[in-house]
Amino acid sequence: MKLSTKHLFAAALLLGARLGFADTPVQAATDTLKSRADRISYATAYQIASDFRRQGWSLHPEALLQGALAASRGQKPALSPSEMRLMLRLLQQRTRSPAKTHVPPAK
């Protein structure tokens, strides 16, 4: 799956909204996923997290949420534009050719 900015933003919003608000993931889904947009966001975030896990990457929901919230609020990013481009380029290289590109998984 190609990871787009829209997918990452949806995942960040969903993951951030779900942190600590329910006893179980099933309860969170049934209690808070009322609208179609909520369910699309949930499905997108689940797919992204599954893809990251399958590819051996650790997904950090808190950092993902920080980036999504800053962007949605028009705030200055915590990383420079050049550092963000570099990180996304490394991710693209890893997802396109994991055997040829040595990029360590996120810690």
Protein backbone atom coordinates (compact mmCIF):
# COMPACT_ATOMS: atom_id res chain seq x y z
CA MET A 1 0.00 0.00 0.00
CA LYS A 2 1.33 3.43 -0.90
CA LEU A 3 1.29 5.67 2.18
CA SER A 4 -0.05 9.09 1.33
CA THR A 5 -0.24 12.19 3.49
CA LYS A 6 -4.02 11.75 3.64
CA HIS A 7 -3.64 8.22 4.96
CA LEU A 8 -1.11 9.27 7.59
CA PHE A 9 -3.27 12.18 8.69
CA ALA A 10 -6.34 9.94 9.05
CA ALA A 11 -4.32 7.40 10.99
CA ALA A 12 -2.93 10.04 13.31
CA LEU A 13 -6.33 11.48 14.07
CA LEU A 14 -7.83 8.09 14.70
CA LEU A 15 -4.98 6.74 16.78
CA GLY A 16 -4.79 9.88 18.88
CA ALA A 17 -8.51 9.94 19.48
CA ARG A 18 -8.45 6.33 20.63
CA LEU A 19 -5.59 6.52 23.13
CA GLY A 20 -6.99 5.71 26.54
CA PHE A 21 -10.67 6.34 25.84
CA ALA A 22 -11.96 2.77 26.11
CA ASP A 23 -11.21 -0.46 27.91
CA THR A 24 -10.88 -2.52 24.73
CA PRO A 25 -10.40 -1.83 21.00
CA VAL A 26 -13.82 -3.37 20.30
CA GLN A 27 -15.45 -1.09 22.85
CA ALA A 28 -13.66 1.92 21.31
CA ALA A 29 -14.94 0.99 17.87
CA THR A 30 -18.52 0.47 18.92
CA ASP A 31 -18.61 3.50 21.22
CA THR A 32 -16.97 6.10 18.99
CA LEU A 33 -17.17 5.04 15.34
CA LYS A 34 -20.61 6.41 14.65
CA SER A 35 -20.18 8.22 11.35
CA ARG A 36 -18.99 6.98 7.97
CA ALA A 37 -15.99 9.32 8.24
CA ASP A 38 -15.08 7.77 11.61
CA ARG A 39 -15.26 4.27 10.15
CA ILE A 40 -13.24 5.23 7.06
CA SER A 41 -10.61 6.82 9.29
CA TYR A 42 -10.50 3.72 11.48
CA ALA A 43 -10.15 1.38 8.50
CA THR A 44 -7.41 3.57 7.01
CA ALA A 45 -5.47 3.70 10.27
CA TYR A 46 -5.84 -0.04 10.80
CA GLN A 47 -4.55 -0.75 7.29
CA ILE A 48 -1.57 1.59 7.69
CA ALA A 49 -0.61 0.15 11.07
CA SER A 50 -0.96 -3.39 9.70
CA ASP A 51 1.24 -2.51 6.72
CA PHE A 52 3.90 -1.00 8.98
CA ARG A 53 3.83 -4.06 11.25
CA ARG A 54 4.02 -6.50 8.33
CA GLN A 55 7.03 -4.63 6.93
CA GLY A 56 8.83 -4.71 10.28
CA TRP A 57 8.41 -1.06 11.15
CA SER A 58 7.32 0.25 14.52
CA LEU A 59 4.56 2.81 14.28
CA HIS A 60 4.56 5.49 16.97
CA PRO A 61 0.96 6.75 17.24
CA GLU A 62 1.87 9.63 19.53
CA ALA A 63 4.39 11.07 17.05
CA LEU A 64 2.01 10.47 14.16
CA LEU A 65 -0.68 12.35 16.05
CA GLN A 66 1.68 15.24 16.83
CA GLY A 67 2.45 15.69 13.16
CA ALA A 68 -1.16 15.41 12.05
CA LEU A 69 -2.39 17.88 14.65
CA ALA A 70 0.34 20.40 13.86
CA ALA A 71 -0.43 20.22 10.15
CA SER A 72 -4.20 20.45 10.63
CA ARG A 73 -3.78 23.50 12.89
CA GLY A 74 -1.36 25.22 10.53
CA GLN A 75 1.43 25.10 13.11
CA LYS A 76 5.13 25.06 12.34
CA PRO A 77 6.37 21.47 12.04
CA ALA A 78 8.74 20.08 14.69
CA LEU A 79 11.04 18.84 11.90
CA SER A 80 12.55 20.99 9.18
CA PRO A 81 11.10 20.54 5.69
CA SER A 82 14.36 18.96 4.52
CA GLU A 83 14.36 16.48 7.42
CA MET A 84 10.75 15.55 6.71
CA ARG A 85 11.55 14.97 3.03
CA LEU A 86 14.52 12.81 4.03
CA MET A 87 12.43 10.71 6.45
CA LEU A 88 9.67 10.19 3.88
CA ARG A 89 12.22 9.33 1.21
CA LEU A 90 13.78 6.73 3.52
CA LEU A 91 10.35 5.27 4.18
CA GLN A 92 9.60 5.11 0.45
CA GLN A 93 12.92 3.44 -0.26
CA ARG A 94 12.30 0.87 2.45
CA THR A 95 8.77 0.08 1.33
CA ARG A 96 9.73 -0.18 -2.35
CA SER A 97 12.88 -2.24 -1.95
CA PRO A 98 13.42 -3.54 1.61
CA ALA A 99 16.10 -6.02 0.57
CA LYS A 100 18.19 -3.42 -1.27
CA THR A 101 17.88 -0.48 1.10
CA HIS A 102 19.27 -0.63 4.60
CA VAL A 103 17.06 1.63 6.71
CA PRO A 104 16.61 0.49 10.29
CA PRO A 105 13.06 0.19 11.60
CA ALA A 106 11.80 2.99 13.83
CA LYS A 107 12.56 2.49 17.50
